[in-house]
Each structure stands twice: as structure tokens, then as C-alpha cells.
Amino acid sequence: MDNYHLNPTSEGWELKKEGAERASKRGATKQELVSALSDYFDGKTASVKIHRADGSIEEERTYPRSADPSKSKG
């Protein structure tokens, strides 16, 4: 499973694969990228850590949802 991070930058937000030099996707707002995640990961298995503006992790999502190893509520 590939691991990605959605982080703030000085120019907006970016989705970047762990270990990659360049961003996979960029957007002006966090919501713009979050809305595009399911389409971007269609047919792929990946984990995305979504960060807050201060850089701390807000949540982690797994695509597809069926690949999520923790079947917990919340």
C-alpha cells in the first residue's frame, strides 16, 4: 500500500507520495484536494494522512475503504 500526505504549502495544498520529490496533485484549498481523493485513488490502494494547516495530522483515510485494516467505529 502506498502512503501519501496532504500538506499545506506556501502556495496552497499538495498531495505527495512518501519519499517522492514532487507533488502528485496540487490545489488552492485543502477541500479541493480532499474532494478529489476518491477519484485520484480509484483502482489504487493507498493510505492518506490529511494534515491541518499547522502540520499536525487531522485524519487518515484508506482507499479503497475495504482495504482499511482497522474496522473500528469513528
PDB file of N, CA and C in Angstrom:
ATOM      1  N   MET A   1       0.842  -1.174   0.000  1.00  0.00           N
ATOM      2  CA  MET A   1       0.000   0.000   0.000  1.00  0.00           C
ATOM      3  C   MET A   1       0.887   1.237   0.000  1.00  0.00           C
ATOM      4  N   ASP A   2       0.581   2.174  -0.886  1.00  0.00           N
ATOM      5  CA  ASP A   2       1.331   3.428  -0.947  1.00  0.00           C
ATOM      6  C   ASP A   2       0.819   4.394   0.119  1.00  0.00           C
ATOM      7  N   ASN A   3       1.722   5.189   0.657  1.00  0.00           N
ATOM      8  CA  ASN A   3       1.371   6.175   1.674  1.00  0.00           C
ATOM      9  C   ASN A   3       1.552   7.582   1.116  1.00  0.00           C
ATOM     10  N   TYR A   4       0.544   8.413   1.356  1.00  0.00           N
ATOM     11  CA  TYR A   4       0.534   9.791   0.873  1.00  0.00           C
ATOM     12  C   TYR A   4       0.271  10.740   2.030  1.00  0.00           C
ATOM     13  N   HIS A   5       0.646  11.990   1.833  1.00  0.00           N
ATOM     14  CA  HIS A   5       0.367  13.054   2.800  1.00  0.00           C
ATOM     15  C   HIS A   5      -0.252  14.228   2.057  1.00  0.00           C
ATOM     16  N   LEU A   6      -1.296  14.790   2.641  1.00  0.00           N
ATOM     17  CA  LEU A   6      -1.914  16.001   2.116  1.00  0.00           C
ATOM     18  C   LEU A   6      -1.493  17.120   3.059  1.00  0.00           C
ATOM     19  N   ASN A   7      -0.619  18.004   2.570  1.00  0.00           N
ATOM     20  CA  ASN A   7       0.024  19.023   3.403  1.00  0.00           C
ATOM     21  C   ASN A   7      -0.199  20.435   2.882  1.00  0.00           C
ATOM     22  N   PRO A   8      -0.168  21.416   3.810  1.00  0.00           N
ATOM     23  CA  PRO A   8      -0.195  22.812   3.380  1.00  0.00           C
ATOM     24  C   PRO A   8       1.185  23.208   2.852  1.00  0.00           C
ATOM     25  N   THR A   9       1.179  24.123   1.895  1.00  0.00           N
ATOM     26  CA  THR A   9       2.426  24.690   1.377  1.00  0.00           C
ATOM     27  C   THR A   9       2.253  26.207   1.327  1.00  0.00           C
ATOM     28  N   SER A  10       3.282  26.905   0.959  1.00  0.00           N
ATOM     29  CA  SER A  10       3.191  28.366   0.858  1.00  0.00           C
ATOM     30  C   SER A  10       2.278  28.805  -0.283  1.00  0.00           C
ATOM     31  N   GLU A  11       2.003  27.880  -1.216  1.00  0.00           N
ATOM     32  CA  GLU A  11       1.175  28.211  -2.378  1.00  0.00           C
ATOM     33  C   GLU A  11      -0.196  27.537  -2.360  1.00  0.00           C
ATOM     34  N   GLY A  12      -0.546  26.846  -1.282  1.00  0.00           N
ATOM     35  CA  GLY A  12      -1.825  26.136  -1.217  1.00  0.00           C
ATOM     36  C   GLY A  12      -1.660  24.805  -0.506  1.00  0.00           C
ATOM     37  N   TRP A  13      -2.114  23.733  -1.163  1.00  0.00           N
ATOM     38  CA  TRP A  13      -2.042  22.387  -0.583  1.00  0.00           C
ATOM     39  C   TRP A  13      -1.514  21.424  -1.624  1.00  0.00           C
ATOM     40  N   GLU A  14      -0.877  20.338  -1.154  1.00  0.00           N
ATOM     41  CA  GLU A  14      -0.379  19.338  -2.089  1.00  0.00           C
ATOM     42  C   GLU A  14      -0.551  17.936  -1.535  1.00  0.00           C
ATOM     43  N   LEU A  15      -0.758  16.998  -2.450  1.00  0.00           N
ATOM     44  CA  LEU A  15      -0.806  15.577  -2.142  1.00  0.00           C
ATOM     45  C   LEU A  15       0.501  15.000  -2.626  1.00  0.00           C
ATOM     46  N   LYS A  16       1.249  14.373  -1.716  1.00  0.00           N
ATOM     47  CA  LYS A  16       2.580  13.892  -2.066  1.00  0.00           C
ATOM     48  C   LYS A  16       2.759  12.470  -1.553  1.00  0.00           C
ATOM     49  N   LYS A  17       3.278  11.601  -2.405  1.00  0.00           N
ATOM     50  CA  LYS A  17       3.594  10.231  -2.017  1.00  0.00           C
ATOM     51  C   LYS A  17       4.842  10.256  -1.138  1.00  0.00           C
ATOM     52  N   GLU A  18       4.847   9.437  -0.084  1.00  0.00           N
ATOM     53  CA  GLU A  18       6.020   9.385   0.796  1.00  0.00           C
ATOM     54  C   GLU A  18       7.260   9.042  -0.009  1.00  0.00           C
ATOM     55  N   GLY A  19       8.310   9.811   0.187  1.00  0.00           N
ATOM     56  CA  GLY A  19       9.577   9.585  -0.490  1.00  0.00           C
ATOM     57  C   GLY A  19       9.692  10.261  -1.848  1.00  0.00           C
ATOM     58  N   ALA A  20       8.604  10.850  -2.340  1.00  0.00           N
ATOM     59  CA  ALA A  20       8.621  11.490  -3.658  1.00  0.00           C
ATOM     60  C   ALA A  20       9.191  12.902  -3.562  1.00  0.00           C
ATOM     61  N   GLU A  21       9.799  13.338  -4.637  1.00  0.00           N
ATOM     62  CA  GLU A  21      10.341  14.691  -4.713  1.00  0.00           C
ATOM     63  C   GLU A  21       9.240  15.698  -5.046  1.00  0.00           C
ATOM     64  N   ARG A  22       8.353  15.306  -5.973  1.00  0.00           N
ATOM     65  CA  ARG A  22       7.321  16.223  -6.456  1.00  0.00           C
ATOM     66  C   ARG A  22       5.941  15.803  -5.957  1.00  0.00           C
ATOM     67  N   ALA A  23       5.053  16.768  -5.911  1.00  0.00           N
ATOM     68  CA  ALA A  23       3.672  16.505  -5.506  1.00  0.00           C
ATOM     69  C   ALA A  23       2.939  15.743  -6.603  1.00  0.00           C
ATOM     70  N   SER A  24       2.042  14.855  -6.196  1.00  0.00           N
ATOM     71  CA  SER A  24       1.199  14.131  -7.145  1.00  0.00           C
ATOM     72  C   SER A  24       0.066  15.019  -7.630  1.00  0.00           C
ATOM     73  N   LYS A  25      -0.410  15.873  -6.734  1.00  0.00           N
ATOM     74  CA  LYS A  25      -1.517  16.773  -7.035  1.00  0.00           C
ATOM     75  C   LYS A  25      -1.376  18.025  -6.201  1.00  0.00           C
ATOM     76  N   ARG A  26      -1.809  19.160  -6.745  1.00  0.00           N
ATOM     77  CA  ARG A  26      -1.786  20.434  -6.020  1.00  0.00           C
ATOM     78  C   ARG A  26      -3.155  21.088  -6.126  1.00  0.00           C
ATOM     79  N   GLY A  27      -3.471  21.884  -5.109  1.00  0.00           N
ATOM     80  CA  GLY A  27      -4.734  22.601  -5.128  1.00  0.00           C
ATOM     81  C   GLY A  27      -4.632  23.881  -4.319  1.00  0.00           C
ATOM     82  N   ALA A  28      -5.545  24.794  -4.594  1.00  0.00           N
ATOM     83  CA  ALA A  28      -5.552  26.061  -3.879  1.00  0.00           C
ATOM     84  C   ALA A  28      -6.051  25.886  -2.444  1.00  0.00           C
ATOM     85  N   THR A  29      -6.988  24.924  -2.255  1.00  0.00           N
ATOM     86  CA  THR A  29      -7.548  24.708  -0.922  1.00  0.00           C
ATOM     87  C   THR A  29      -7.458  23.238  -0.533  1.00  0.00           C
ATOM     88  N   LYS A  30      -7.500  23.008   0.750  1.00  0.00           N
ATOM     89  CA  LYS A  30      -7.491  21.653   1.281  1.00  0.00           C
ATOM     90  C   LYS A  30      -8.732  20.905   0.794  1.00  0.00           C
ATOM     91  N   GLN A  31      -9.894  21.563   0.865  1.00  0.00           N
ATOM     92  CA  GLN A  31     -11.148  20.915   0.469  1.00  0.00           C
ATOM     93  C   GLN A  31     -11.127  20.492  -0.997  1.00  0.00           C
ATOM     94  N   GLU A  32     -10.491  21.271  -1.836  1.00  0.00           N
ATOM     95  CA  GLU A  32     -10.375  20.935  -3.261  1.00  0.00           C
ATOM     96  C   GLU A  32      -9.690  19.580  -3.432  1.00  0.00           C
ATOM     97  N   LEU A  33      -8.603  19.362  -2.720  1.00  0.00           N
ATOM     98  CA  LEU A  33      -7.881  18.097  -2.830  1.00  0.00           C
ATOM     99  C   LEU A  33      -8.611  16.959  -2.141  1.00  0.00           C
ATOM    100  N   VAL A  34      -9.188  17.210  -0.962  1.00  0.00           N
ATOM    101  CA  VAL A  34      -9.923  16.157  -0.251  1.00  0.00           C
ATOM    102  C   VAL A  34     -11.068  15.650  -1.125  1.00  0.00           C
ATOM    103  N   SER A  35     -11.744  16.552  -1.816  1.00  0.00           N
ATOM    104  CA  SER A  35     -12.859  16.170  -2.688  1.00  0.00           C
ATOM    105  C   SER A  35     -12.403  15.318  -3.871  1.00  0.00           C
ATOM    106  N   ALA A  36     -11.161  15.473  -4.286  1.00  0.00           N
ATOM    107  CA  ALA A  36     -10.647  14.744  -5.445  1.00  0.00           C
ATOM    108  C   ALA A  36      -9.982  13.417  -5.086  1.00  0.00           C
ATOM    109  N   LEU A  37      -9.828  13.114  -3.808  1.00  0.00           N
ATOM    110  CA  LEU A  37      -9.085  11.920  -3.401  1.00  0.00           C
ATOM    111  C   LEU A  37      -9.693  10.619  -3.927  1.00  0.00           C
ATOM    112  N   SER A  38     -10.998  10.426  -3.800  1.00  0.00           N
ATOM    113  CA  SER A  38     -11.582   9.150  -4.217  1.00  0.00           C
ATOM    114  C   SER A  38     -11.413   8.917  -5.718  1.00  0.00           C
ATOM    115  N   ASP A  39     -11.513   9.972  -6.528  1.00  0.00           N
ATOM    116  CA  ASP A  39     -11.274   9.825  -7.968  1.00  0.00           C
ATOM    117  C   ASP A  39      -9.805   9.538  -8.247  1.00  0.00           C
ATOM    118  N   TYR A  40      -8.910  10.237  -7.555  1.00  0.00           N
ATOM    119  CA  TYR A  40      -7.470  10.048  -7.774  1.00  0.00           C
ATOM    120  C   TYR A  40      -7.038   8.626  -7.430  1.00  0.00           C
ATOM    121  N   PHE A  41      -7.606   8.068  -6.361  1.00  0.00           N
ATOM    122  CA  PHE A  41      -7.195   6.738  -5.916  1.00  0.00           C
ATOM    123  C   PHE A  41      -8.084   5.620  -6.445  1.00  0.00           C
ATOM    124  N   ASP A  42      -8.945   5.913  -7.402  1.00  0.00           N
ATOM    125  CA  ASP A  42      -9.798   4.889  -7.999  1.00  0.00           C
ATOM    126  C   ASP A  42      -8.926   3.809  -8.639  1.00  0.00           C
ATOM    127  N   GLY A  43      -9.088   2.574  -8.203  1.00  0.00           N
ATOM    128  CA  GLY A  43      -8.303   1.464  -8.735  1.00  0.00           C
ATOM    129  C   GLY A  43      -6.948   1.289  -8.064  1.00  0.00           C
ATOM    130  N   LYS A  44      -6.627   2.123  -7.085  1.00  0.00           N
ATOM    131  CA  LYS A  44      -5.350   2.032  -6.359  1.00  0.00           C
ATOM    132  C   LYS A  44      -5.631   1.733  -4.896  1.00  0.00           C
ATOM    133  N   THR A  45      -4.640   1.221  -4.205  1.00  0.00           N
ATOM    134  CA  THR A  45      -4.730   1.031  -2.762  1.00  0.00           C
ATOM    135  C   THR A  45      -3.720   1.966  -2.124  1.00  0.00           C
ATOM    136  N   ALA A  46      -4.220   2.837  -1.245  1.00  0.00           N
ATOM    137  CA  ALA A  46      -3.338   3.844  -0.650  1.00  0.00           C
ATOM    138  C   ALA A  46      -3.872   4.313   0.688  1.00  0.00           C
ATOM    139  N   SER A  47      -2.970   4.852   1.484  1.00  0.00           N
ATOM    140  CA  SER A  47      -3.308   5.472   2.759  1.00  0.00           C
ATOM    141  C   SER A  47      -2.927   6.945   2.656  1.00  0.00           C
ATOM    142  N   VAL A  48      -3.833   7.819   3.105  1.00  0.00           N
ATOM    143  CA  VAL A  48      -3.587   9.264   3.032  1.00  0.00           C
ATOM    144  C   VAL A  48      -3.695   9.865   4.421  1.00  0.00           C
ATOM    145  N   LYS A  49      -2.638  10.537   4.839  1.00  0.00           N
ATOM    146  CA  LYS A  49      -2.670  11.294   6.090  1.00  0.00           C
ATOM    147  C   LYS A  49      -2.981  12.738   5.729  1.00  0.00           C
ATOM    148  N   ILE A  50      -4.114  13.222   6.236  1.00  0.00           N
ATOM    149  CA  ILE A  50      -4.553  14.583   5.952  1.00  0.00           C
ATOM    150  C   ILE A  50      -4.125  15.464   7.116  1.00  0.00           C
ATOM    151  N   HIS A  51      -3.313  16.468   6.816  1.00  0.00           N
ATOM    152  CA  HIS A  51      -2.758  17.346   7.838  1.00  0.00           C
ATOM    153  C   HIS A  51      -3.588  18.613   8.003  1.00  0.00           C
ATOM    154  N   ARG A  52      -3.475  19.231   9.167  1.00  0.00           N
ATOM    155  CA  ARG A  52      -4.076  20.541   9.419  1.00  0.00           C
ATOM    156  C   ARG A  52      -3.118  21.618   8.895  1.00  0.00           C
ATOM    157  N   ALA A  53      -3.573  22.854   8.925  1.00  0.00           N
ATOM    158  CA  ALA A  53      -2.739  23.966   8.463  1.00  0.00           C
ATOM    159  C   ALA A  53      -1.452  24.088   9.280  1.00  0.00           C
ATOM    160  N   ASP A  54      -1.485  23.659  10.558  1.00  0.00           N
ATOM    161  CA  ASP A  54      -0.282  23.741  11.396  1.00  0.00           C
ATOM    162  C   ASP A  54       0.660  22.554  11.199  1.00  0.00           C
ATOM    163  N   GLY A  55       0.275  21.615  10.314  1.00  0.00           N
ATOM    164  CA  GLY A  55       1.126  20.466  10.011  1.00  0.00           C
ATOM    165  C   GLY A  55       0.806  19.216  10.801  1.00  0.00           C
ATOM    166  N   SER A  56       0.007  19.310  11.860  1.00  0.00           N
ATOM    167  CA  SER A  56      -0.353  18.121  12.628  1.00  0.00           C
ATOM    168  C   SER A  56      -1.350  17.281  11.827  1.00  0.00           C
ATOM    169  N   ILE A  57      -1.416  15.980  12.126  1.00  0.00           N
ATOM    170  CA  ILE A  57      -2.307  15.085  11.385  1.00  0.00           C
ATOM    171  C   ILE A  57      -3.733  15.211  11.908  1.00  0.00           C
ATOM    172  N   GLU A  58      -4.650  15.477  10.986  1.00  0.00           N
ATOM    173  CA  GLU A  58      -6.069  15.603  11.319  1.00  0.00           C
ATOM    174  C   GLU A  58      -6.765  14.251  11.243  1.00  0.00           C
ATOM    175  N   GLU A  59      -6.504  13.497  10.162  1.00  0.00           N
ATOM    176  CA  GLU A  59      -7.112  12.182   9.992  1.00  0.00           C
ATOM    177  C   GLU A  59      -6.321  11.371   8.985  1.00  0.00           C
ATOM    178  N   GLU A  60      -6.624  10.073   8.958  1.00  0.00           N
ATOM    179  CA  GLU A  60      -6.010   9.178   7.983  1.00  0.00           C
ATOM    180  C   GLU A  60      -7.121   8.433   7.276  1.00  0.00           C
ATOM    181  N   ARG A  61      -7.035   8.368   5.952  1.00  0.00           N
ATOM    182  CA  ARG A  61      -8.034   7.666   5.147  1.00  0.00           C
ATOM    183  C   ARG A  61      -7.352   6.594   4.319  1.00  0.00           C
ATOM    184  N   THR A  62      -8.080   5.491   4.103  1.00  0.00           N
ATOM    185  CA  THR A  62      -7.576   4.389   3.286  1.00  0.00           C
ATOM    186  C   THR A  62      -8.464   4.255   2.055  1.00  0.00           C
ATOM    187  N   TYR A  63      -7.844   4.087   0.910  1.00  0.00           N
ATOM    188  CA  TYR A  63      -8.564   3.895  -0.352  1.00  0.00           C
ATOM    189  C   TYR A  63      -8.145   2.575  -0.960  1.00  0.00           C
ATOM    190  N   PRO A  64      -9.051   1.699  -1.404  1.00  0.00           N
ATOM    191  CA  PRO A  64     -10.483   1.818  -1.149  1.00  0.00           C
ATOM    192  C   PRO A  64     -10.781   1.560   0.327  1.00  0.00           C
ATOM    193  N   ARG A  65     -11.938   1.958   0.763  1.00  0.00           N
ATOM    194  CA  ARG A  65     -12.323   1.806   2.179  1.00  0.00           C
ATOM    195  C   ARG A  65     -12.212   0.352   2.633  1.00  0.00           C
ATOM    196  N   SER A  66     -12.475  -0.586   1.738  1.00  0.00           N
ATOM    197  CA  SER A  66     -12.413  -2.014   2.080  1.00  0.00           C
ATOM    198  C   SER A  66     -11.007  -2.456   2.454  1.00  0.00           C
ATOM    199  N   ALA A  67      -9.979  -1.679   2.103  1.00  0.00           N
ATOM    200  CA  ALA A  67      -8.597  -2.018   2.423  1.00  0.00           C
ATOM    201  C   ALA A  67      -8.172  -1.494   3.802  1.00  0.00           C
ATOM    202  N   ASP A  68      -9.070  -0.797   4.482  1.00  0.00           N
ATOM    203  CA  ASP A  68      -8.745  -0.233   5.801  1.00  0.00           C
ATOM    204  C   ASP A  68      -8.517  -1.369   6.795  1.00  0.00           C
ATOM    205  N   PRO A  69      -7.310  -1.461   7.378  1.00  0.00           N
ATOM    206  CA  PRO A  69      -7.012  -2.563   8.290  1.00  0.00           C
ATOM    207  C   PRO A  69      -7.745  -2.458   9.621  1.00  0.00           C
ATOM    208  N   SER A  70      -8.135  -1.257  10.044  1.00  0.00           N
ATOM    209  CA  SER A  70      -8.818  -1.110  11.333  1.00  0.00           C
ATOM    210  C   SER A  70     -10.299  -0.899  11.098  1.00  0.00           C
ATOM    211  N   LYS A  71     -11.066  -1.909  11.370  1.00  0.00           N
ATOM    212  CA  LYS A  71     -12.522  -1.835  11.176  1.00  0.00           C
ATOM    213  C   LYS A  71     -13.160  -1.327  12.461  1.00  0.00           C
ATOM    214  N   SER A  72     -12.768  -0.144  12.877  1.00  0.00           N
ATOM    215  CA  SER A  72     -13.299   0.423  14.111  1.00  0.00           C
ATOM    216  C   SER A  72     -14.273   1.551  13.815  1.00  0.00           C
ATOM    217  N   LYS A  73     -15.160   1.799  14.749  1.00  0.00           N
ATOM    218  CA  LYS A  73     -16.099   2.911  14.610  1.00  0.00           C
ATOM    219  C   LYS A  73     -15.351   4.205  14.855  1.00  0.00           C
ATOM    220  N   GLY A  74     -15.767   5.245  14.140  1.00  0.00           N
ATOM    221  CA  GLY A  74     -15.187   6.565  14.359  1.00  0.00           C
ATOM    222  C   GLY A  74     -14.029   6.786  13.560  1.00  0.00           C
TER     223      GLY A  74
END
